[in-house]
Amino acid sequence: MKTNQIYVILLVMGVFLTGTLSLKAQTLEEKKWIAEGNTYYLQKEYEKARVEYSKVLATTPSSYKANFNLGNSYFELKNYKNAESHFQKASESAANNIEKANAFHNLGNSLMQQKAYKKAIEAYKNSLRNNPKDNQTRYNFALAKKLLSLQDKKQNPSDLPRPSAYAQQMKSKADSTAAIGNFGAARELMMRALAKDSTVAHYQSYLDKLNEIIILDSIEIK
């Protein structure tokens, strides 16, 4: 998994800090907007950060820093479609392989959140073409392939054994656990139940959904 990135180069947060030189010159005003956006981003005020980064794009639409940071802001705001758009633009204006790899990595993450797993796999491939040694991207690439496999399986519950009273009880407990956000615990409960009672397999699609949620929750932007 990747953690968020801030330029220069903090692999813990998530945007481009002013300080790394770009091949394209920035005006003082654009640097100011980037810096203000970074301040808001670090404070987790993502909507305010979005506004500042957007000001840069009004004058320099191809700015890598602004597009990358704006993509991160939209990602944190859970607007994954807009995040996808700006990471794509960042990949097109990247000045070097690492910038391009980072943009494609985050593009893959945005596509994952939209369950566009085939496209996410291609984005991660492009990231690895530019930075083949990035193990975190390899990890996300493997997760995308796993989720695509789950998506393609589409088991019909009517084809599975009818659930016993015990299976129904465990499903109800798992639902309650998942309802408070403990998806991992809900999955473990169902897996333990399946080991005791094969009719819990009736809820295989539910287990697949829990797996999908757990994987998506593990995906973070650079």
C-alpha atoms as a PDB file:
ATOM      1  CA  MET A   1       0.000   0.000   0.000  1.00  0.00           C
ATOM      2  CA  LYS A   2       1.054   3.536  -0.522  1.00  0.00           C
ATOM      3  CA  THR A   3       0.762   6.324   1.951  1.00  0.00           C
ATOM      4  CA  ASN A   4       0.022   9.822   0.826  1.00  0.00           C
ATOM      5  CA  GLN A   5       2.851  11.925  -0.556  1.00  0.00           C
ATOM      6  CA  ILE A   6       3.706  15.566  -0.221  1.00  0.00           C
ATOM      7  CA  TYR A   7       6.320  17.195  -2.429  1.00  0.00           C
ATOM      8  CA  VAL A   8       9.227  17.577  -1.399  1.00  0.00           C
ATOM      9  CA  ILE A   9       9.200  14.486  -0.511  1.00  0.00           C
ATOM     10  CA  LEU A  10       7.215  13.375   2.491  1.00  0.00           C
ATOM     11  CA  LEU A  11       5.839   9.917   1.817  1.00  0.00           C
ATOM     12  CA  VAL A  12       3.397  10.259   4.680  1.00  0.00           C
ATOM     13  CA  MET A  13       0.981  12.987   3.720  1.00  0.00           C
ATOM     14  CA  GLY A  14      -0.201  13.650   0.240  1.00  0.00           C
ATOM     15  CA  VAL A  15       0.527  16.678  -1.905  1.00  0.00           C
ATOM     16  CA  PHE A  16       3.331  18.486  -3.623  1.00  0.00           C
ATOM     17  CA  LEU A  17       5.011  20.927  -1.302  1.00  0.00           C
ATOM     18  CA  THR A  18       6.713  23.818  -3.003  1.00  0.00           C
ATOM     19  CA  GLY A  19      10.430  23.248  -3.103  1.00  0.00           C
ATOM     20  CA  THR A  20      10.868  20.603  -5.772  1.00  0.00           C
ATOM     21  CA  LEU A  21      11.750  22.239  -9.067  1.00  0.00           C
ATOM     22  CA  SER A  22       9.449  21.735 -12.000  1.00  0.00           C
ATOM     23  CA  LEU A  23      10.539  21.980 -15.608  1.00  0.00           C
ATOM     24  CA  LYS A  24       7.863  24.631 -16.057  1.00  0.00           C
ATOM     25  CA  ALA A  25       8.265  27.894 -14.214  1.00  0.00           C
ATOM     26  CA  GLN A  26       5.662  28.904 -11.660  1.00  0.00           C
ATOM     27  CA  THR A  27       4.583  32.446 -11.024  1.00  0.00           C
ATOM     28  CA  LEU A  28       4.801  33.756  -7.492  1.00  0.00           C
ATOM     29  CA  GLU A  29       1.014  33.748  -7.364  1.00  0.00           C
ATOM     30  CA  GLU A  30       0.842  30.087  -8.382  1.00  0.00           C
ATOM     31  CA  LYS A  31       3.436  29.173  -5.748  1.00  0.00           C
ATOM     32  CA  LYS A  32       1.334  31.013  -3.188  1.00  0.00           C
ATOM     33  CA  TRP A  33      -1.798  29.074  -4.169  1.00  0.00           C
ATOM     34  CA  ILE A  34       0.071  25.763  -4.010  1.00  0.00           C
ATOM     35  CA  ALA A  35       1.504  26.638  -0.589  1.00  0.00           C
ATOM     36  CA  GLU A  36      -1.894  27.683   0.757  1.00  0.00           C
ATOM     37  CA  GLY A  37      -3.470  24.548  -0.644  1.00  0.00           C
ATOM     38  CA  ASN A  38      -0.802  22.437   1.045  1.00  0.00           C
ATOM     39  CA  THR A  39      -1.462  24.140   4.373  1.00  0.00           C
ATOM     40  CA  TYR A  40      -5.174  23.386   4.115  1.00  0.00           C
ATOM     41  CA  TYR A  41      -4.467  19.822   2.976  1.00  0.00           C
ATOM     42  CA  LEU A  42      -2.216  19.111   5.950  1.00  0.00           C
ATOM     43  CA  GLN A  43      -5.000  20.416   8.190  1.00  0.00           C
ATOM     44  CA  LYS A  44      -7.376  17.992   6.426  1.00  0.00           C
ATOM     45  CA  GLU A  45      -9.433  20.891   5.097  1.00  0.00           C
ATOM     46  CA  TYR A  46      -9.635  19.263   1.692  1.00  0.00           C
ATOM     47  CA  GLU A  47     -12.352  21.473   0.218  1.00  0.00           C
ATOM     48  CA  LYS A  48     -10.344  24.610   0.950  1.00  0.00           C
ATOM     49  CA  ALA A  49      -7.234  22.929  -0.477  1.00  0.00           C
ATOM     50  CA  ARG A  50      -9.204  22.059  -3.609  1.00  0.00           C
ATOM     51  CA  VAL A  51     -10.140  25.715  -4.112  1.00  0.00           C
ATOM     52  CA  GLU A  52      -6.502  26.859  -3.908  1.00  0.00           C
ATOM     53  CA  TYR A  53      -5.173  24.225  -6.300  1.00  0.00           C
ATOM     54  CA  SER A  54      -7.960  25.015  -8.753  1.00  0.00           C
ATOM     55  CA  LYS A  55      -6.757  28.615  -8.918  1.00  0.00           C
ATOM     56  CA  VAL A  56      -3.456  27.395 -10.358  1.00  0.00           C
ATOM     57  CA  LEU A  57      -5.202  25.397 -13.066  1.00  0.00           C
ATOM     58  CA  ALA A  58      -7.212  28.449 -14.097  1.00  0.00           C
ATOM     59  CA  THR A  59      -3.948  29.981 -15.344  1.00  0.00           C
ATOM     60  CA  THR A  60      -1.817  26.857 -15.958  1.00  0.00           C
ATOM     61  CA  PRO A  61      -4.108  23.898 -16.811  1.00  0.00           C
ATOM     62  CA  SER A  62      -1.171  21.546 -17.386  1.00  0.00           C
ATOM     63  CA  SER A  63       0.475  22.117 -13.995  1.00  0.00           C
ATOM     64  CA  TYR A  64       1.608  18.731 -12.693  1.00  0.00           C
ATOM     65  CA  LYS A  65       1.731  19.872  -9.073  1.00  0.00           C
ATOM     66  CA  ALA A  66      -1.741  21.426  -9.128  1.00  0.00           C
ATOM     67  CA  ASN A  67      -3.330  18.466 -10.933  1.00  0.00           C
ATOM     68  CA  PHE A  68      -1.664  15.915  -8.664  1.00  0.00           C
ATOM     69  CA  ASN A  69      -2.592  17.800  -5.499  1.00  0.00           C
ATOM     70  CA  LEU A  70      -6.104  18.486  -6.723  1.00  0.00           C
ATOM     71  CA  GLY A  71      -6.496  14.791  -7.471  1.00  0.00           C
ATOM     72  CA  ASN A  72      -5.456  14.011  -3.898  1.00  0.00           C
ATOM     73  CA  SER A  73      -7.932  16.549  -2.550  1.00  0.00           C
ATOM     74  CA  TYR A  74     -10.792  15.075  -4.573  1.00  0.00           C
ATOM     75  CA  PHE A  75      -9.742  11.593  -3.452  1.00  0.00           C
ATOM     76  CA  GLU A  76      -9.971  12.611   0.201  1.00  0.00           C
ATOM     77  CA  LEU A  77     -13.364  14.192  -0.537  1.00  0.00           C
ATOM     78  CA  LYS A  78     -14.397  10.810  -1.995  1.00  0.00           C
ATOM     79  CA  ASN A  79     -15.027  12.391  -5.397  1.00  0.00           C
ATOM     80  CA  TYR A  80     -13.140   9.648  -7.175  1.00  0.00           C
ATOM     81  CA  LYS A  81     -14.264  10.523 -10.694  1.00  0.00           C
ATOM     82  CA  ASN A  82     -12.757  14.012 -10.475  1.00  0.00           C
ATOM     83  CA  ALA A  83      -9.678  12.585  -8.774  1.00  0.00           C
ATOM     84  CA  GLU A  84      -9.284  10.198 -11.708  1.00  0.00           C
ATOM     85  CA  SER A  85      -9.450  13.088 -14.176  1.00  0.00           C
ATOM     86  CA  HIS A  86      -6.712  15.108 -12.468  1.00  0.00           C
ATOM     87  CA  PHE A  87      -4.387  12.146 -11.927  1.00  0.00           C
ATOM     88  CA  GLN A  88      -4.741  11.393 -15.629  1.00  0.00           C
ATOM     89  CA  LYS A  89      -3.793  14.983 -16.459  1.00  0.00           C
ATOM     90  CA  ALA A  90      -0.858  14.786 -14.043  1.00  0.00           C
ATOM     91  CA  SER A  91       0.394  11.636 -15.767  1.00  0.00           C
ATOM     92  CA  GLU A  92       0.371  13.499 -19.086  1.00  0.00           C
ATOM     93  CA  SER A  93       2.400  16.455 -17.815  1.00  0.00           C
ATOM     94  CA  ALA A  94       4.857  14.572 -15.577  1.00  0.00           C
ATOM     95  CA  ALA A  95       8.457  15.722 -15.919  1.00  0.00           C
ATOM     96  CA  ASN A  96      10.077  12.365 -15.117  1.00  0.00           C
ATOM     97  CA  ASN A  97       9.378   8.678 -14.593  1.00  0.00           C
ATOM     98  CA  ILE A  98       8.810   8.937 -10.850  1.00  0.00           C
ATOM     99  CA  GLU A  99       6.222  11.697 -11.237  1.00  0.00           C
ATOM    100  CA  LYS A 100       4.497   9.665 -13.943  1.00  0.00           C
ATOM    101  CA  ALA A 101       4.583   6.520 -11.786  1.00  0.00           C
ATOM    102  CA  ASN A 102       3.061   8.373  -8.828  1.00  0.00           C
ATOM    103  CA  ALA A 103       0.282   9.829 -10.969  1.00  0.00           C
ATOM    104  CA  PHE A 104      -0.584   6.435 -12.448  1.00  0.00           C
ATOM    105  CA  HIS A 105      -0.492   4.842  -8.994  1.00  0.00           C
ATOM    106  CA  ASN A 106      -3.045   7.311  -7.652  1.00  0.00           C
ATOM    107  CA  LEU A 107      -5.065   6.998 -10.865  1.00  0.00           C
ATOM    108  CA  GLY A 108      -5.241   3.277 -10.154  1.00  0.00           C
ATOM    109  CA  ASN A 109      -6.432   3.954  -6.611  1.00  0.00           C
ATOM    110  CA  SER A 110      -9.186   6.265  -7.874  1.00  0.00           C
ATOM    111  CA  LEU A 111     -10.348   3.614 -10.333  1.00  0.00           C
ATOM    112  CA  MET A 112     -10.295   0.991  -7.581  1.00  0.00           C
ATOM    113  CA  GLN A 113     -12.675   3.075  -5.497  1.00  0.00           C
ATOM    114  CA  GLN A 114     -15.016   3.217  -8.508  1.00  0.00           C
ATOM    115  CA  LYS A 115     -14.732  -0.589  -8.852  1.00  0.00           C
ATOM    116  CA  ALA A 116     -13.259  -0.151 -12.331  1.00  0.00           C
ATOM    117  CA  TYR A 117     -10.773  -2.906 -11.602  1.00  0.00           C
ATOM    118  CA  LYS A 118      -9.694  -3.649 -15.191  1.00  0.00           C
ATOM    119  CA  LYS A 119      -8.770   0.012 -15.702  1.00  0.00           C
ATOM    120  CA  ALA A 120      -7.059   0.095 -12.303  1.00  0.00           C
ATOM    121  CA  ILE A 121      -4.900  -2.876 -13.306  1.00  0.00           C
ATOM    122  CA  GLU A 122      -3.791  -1.003 -16.440  1.00  0.00           C
ATOM    123  CA  ALA A 123      -3.007   2.126 -14.411  1.00  0.00           C
ATOM    124  CA  TYR A 124      -0.861   0.126 -11.990  1.00  0.00           C
ATOM    125  CA  LYS A 125       0.894  -1.516 -14.949  1.00  0.00           C
ATOM    126  CA  ASN A 126       1.721   1.940 -16.316  1.00  0.00           C
ATOM    127  CA  SER A 127       2.999   2.962 -12.897  1.00  0.00           C
ATOM    128  CA  LEU A 128       5.275  -0.077 -12.754  1.00  0.00           C
ATOM    129  CA  ARG A 129       6.560   0.561 -16.267  1.00  0.00           C
ATOM    130  CA  ASN A 130       7.853   3.886 -14.991  1.00  0.00           C
ATOM    131  CA  ASN A 131       9.021   2.631 -11.599  1.00  0.00           C
ATOM    132  CA  PRO A 132       9.467  -1.168 -11.763  1.00  0.00           C
ATOM    133  CA  LYS A 133      10.915  -1.419  -8.236  1.00  0.00           C
ATOM    134  CA  ASP A 134       7.857   0.022  -6.484  1.00  0.00           C
ATOM    135  CA  ASN A 135       6.629  -2.843  -4.297  1.00  0.00           C
ATOM    136  CA  GLN A 136       3.649  -0.867  -3.015  1.00  0.00           C
ATOM    137  CA  THR A 137       2.294  -0.502  -6.524  1.00  0.00           C
ATOM    138  CA  ARG A 138       2.880  -4.229  -7.076  1.00  0.00           C
ATOM    139  CA  TYR A 139       0.820  -4.888  -3.956  1.00  0.00           C
ATOM    140  CA  ASN A 140      -2.073  -2.718  -5.168  1.00  0.00           C
ATOM    141  CA  PHE A 141      -1.813  -4.354  -8.606  1.00  0.00           C
ATOM    142  CA  ALA A 142      -2.299  -7.758  -6.957  1.00  0.00           C
ATOM    143  CA  LEU A 143      -5.268  -6.452  -4.973  1.00  0.00           C
ATOM    144  CA  ALA A 144      -6.882  -5.092  -8.145  1.00  0.00           C
ATOM    145  CA  LYS A 145      -6.573  -8.505  -9.803  1.00  0.00           C
ATOM    146  CA  LYS A 146      -8.097 -10.166  -6.734  1.00  0.00           C
ATOM    147  CA  LEU A 147     -11.038  -7.751  -6.719  1.00  0.00           C
ATOM    148  CA  LEU A 148     -11.591  -8.273 -10.443  1.00  0.00           C
ATOM    149  CA  SER A 149     -11.739 -12.010  -9.785  1.00  0.00           C
ATOM    150  CA  LEU A 150     -14.337 -11.472  -7.050  1.00  0.00           C
ATOM    151  CA  GLN A 151     -16.307  -9.156  -9.325  1.00  0.00           C
ATOM    152  CA  ASP A 152     -16.373 -11.732 -12.110  1.00  0.00           C
ATOM    153  CA  LYS A 153     -17.437 -14.641  -9.877  1.00  0.00           C
ATOM    154  CA  LYS A 154     -21.059 -13.526  -9.308  1.00  0.00           C
ATOM    155  CA  GLN A 155     -22.350 -16.582  -7.502  1.00  0.00           C
ATOM    156  CA  ASN A 156     -26.115 -16.949  -7.314  1.00  0.00           C
ATOM    157  CA  PRO A 157     -27.276 -17.640  -3.722  1.00  0.00           C
ATOM    158  CA  SER A 158     -30.051 -19.849  -5.097  1.00  0.00           C
ATOM    159  CA  ASP A 159     -27.354 -22.230  -6.343  1.00  0.00           C
ATOM    160  CA  LEU A 160     -25.873 -22.560  -2.850  1.00  0.00           C
ATOM    161  CA  PRO A 161     -27.103 -24.642   0.118  1.00  0.00           C
ATOM    162  CA  ARG A 162     -29.921 -23.172   2.167  1.00  0.00           C
ATOM    163  CA  PRO A 163     -28.551 -21.585   5.359  1.00  0.00           C
ATOM    164  CA  SER A 164     -29.173 -23.312   8.656  1.00  0.00           C
ATOM    165  CA  ALA A 165     -30.548 -21.477  11.682  1.00  0.00           C
ATOM    166  CA  TYR A 166     -26.962 -21.220  12.942  1.00  0.00           C
ATOM    167  CA  ALA A 167     -25.801 -19.745   9.613  1.00  0.00           C
ATOM    168  CA  GLN A 168     -28.592 -17.179   9.701  1.00  0.00           C
ATOM    169  CA  GLN A 169     -27.703 -16.271  13.273  1.00  0.00           C
ATOM    170  CA  MET A 170     -24.034 -15.760  12.367  1.00  0.00           C
ATOM    171  CA  LYS A 171     -25.003 -13.660   9.359  1.00  0.00           C
ATOM    172  CA  SER A 172     -27.117 -11.451  11.608  1.00  0.00           C
ATOM    173  CA  LYS A 173     -24.203 -11.014  14.035  1.00  0.00           C
ATOM    174  CA  ALA A 174     -21.854 -10.210  11.155  1.00  0.00           C
ATOM    175  CA  ASP A 175     -24.316  -7.597   9.865  1.00  0.00           C
ATOM    176  CA  SER A 176     -24.372  -5.925  13.284  1.00  0.00           C
ATOM    177  CA  THR A 177     -20.583  -5.949  13.450  1.00  0.00           C
ATOM    178  CA  ALA A 178     -20.218  -4.530   9.932  1.00  0.00           C
ATOM    179  CA  ALA A 179     -22.807  -1.844  10.685  1.00  0.00           C
ATOM    180  CA  ILE A 180     -20.397  -0.209  13.152  1.00  0.00           C
ATOM    181  CA  GLY A 181     -17.527  -0.367  10.674  1.00  0.00           C
ATOM    182  CA  ASN A 182     -15.784  -3.519  11.927  1.00  0.00           C
ATOM    183  CA  PHE A 183     -15.663  -5.223   8.536  1.00  0.00           C
ATOM    184  CA  GLY A 184     -12.603  -7.304   9.370  1.00  0.00           C
ATOM    185  CA  ALA A 185     -14.263  -8.663  12.503  1.00  0.00           C
ATOM    186  CA  ALA A 186     -17.443  -9.400  10.536  1.00  0.00           C
ATOM    187  CA  ARG A 187     -15.432 -11.337   7.973  1.00  0.00           C
ATOM    188  CA  GLU A 188     -13.611 -13.329  10.662  1.00  0.00           C
ATOM    189  CA  LEU A 189     -16.937 -14.175  12.311  1.00  0.00           C
ATOM    190  CA  MET A 190     -18.313 -15.486   9.021  1.00  0.00           C
ATOM    191  CA  MET A 191     -15.149 -17.471   8.268  1.00  0.00           C
ATOM    192  CA  ARG A 192     -15.248 -19.151  11.693  1.00  0.00           C
ATOM    193  CA  ALA A 193     -18.921 -19.933  11.144  1.00  0.00           C
ATOM    194  CA  LEU A 194     -18.168 -21.410   7.713  1.00  0.00           C
ATOM    195  CA  ALA A 195     -15.576 -23.731   9.288  1.00  0.00           C
ATOM    196  CA  LYS A 196     -18.317 -25.094  11.562  1.00  0.00           C
ATOM    197  CA  ASP A 197     -21.270 -25.096   9.175  1.00  0.00           C
ATOM    198  CA  SER A 198     -20.933 -25.520   5.408  1.00  0.00           C
ATOM    199  CA  THR A 199     -24.344 -23.910   4.791  1.00  0.00           C
ATOM    200  CA  VAL A 200     -22.759 -20.551   5.677  1.00  0.00           C
ATOM    201  CA  ALA A 201     -21.506 -20.790   2.071  1.00  0.00           C
ATOM    202  CA  HIS A 202     -24.984 -19.536   1.120  1.00  0.00           C
ATOM    203  CA  TYR A 203     -23.622 -16.106   2.058  1.00  0.00           C
ATOM    204  CA  GLN A 204     -20.540 -16.320  -0.165  1.00  0.00           C
ATOM    205  CA  SER A 205     -21.479 -13.133  -2.026  1.00  0.00           C
ATOM    206  CA  TYR A 206     -21.690 -11.363   1.342  1.00  0.00           C
ATOM    207  CA  LEU A 207     -18.222 -12.648   2.244  1.00  0.00           C
ATOM    208  CA  ASP A 208     -16.909 -11.459  -1.116  1.00  0.00           C
ATOM    209  CA  LYS A 209     -18.384  -8.031  -0.445  1.00  0.00           C
ATOM    210  CA  LEU A 210     -16.687  -7.871   2.956  1.00  0.00           C
ATOM    211  CA  ASN A 211     -13.387  -8.816   1.304  1.00  0.00           C
ATOM    212  CA  GLU A 212     -13.873  -6.083  -1.267  1.00  0.00           C
ATOM    213  CA  ILE A 213     -14.583  -3.426   1.377  1.00  0.00           C
ATOM    214  CA  ILE A 214     -11.561  -4.467   3.454  1.00  0.00           C
ATOM    215  CA  ILE A 215      -9.259  -4.283   0.431  1.00  0.00           C
ATOM    216  CA  LEU A 216     -10.593  -0.907  -0.722  1.00  0.00           C
ATOM    217  CA  ASP A 217     -10.204   0.503   2.775  1.00  0.00           C
ATOM    218  CA  SER A 218      -6.532  -0.481   2.662  1.00  0.00           C
ATOM    219  CA  ILE A 219      -5.860   1.569  -0.485  1.00  0.00           C
ATOM    220  CA  GLU A 220      -4.251   4.947   0.158  1.00  0.00           C
ATOM    221  CA  ILE A 221      -2.955   7.605  -2.198  1.00  0.00           C
ATOM    222  CA  LYS A 222       0.639   8.710  -2.495  1.00  0.00           C
END
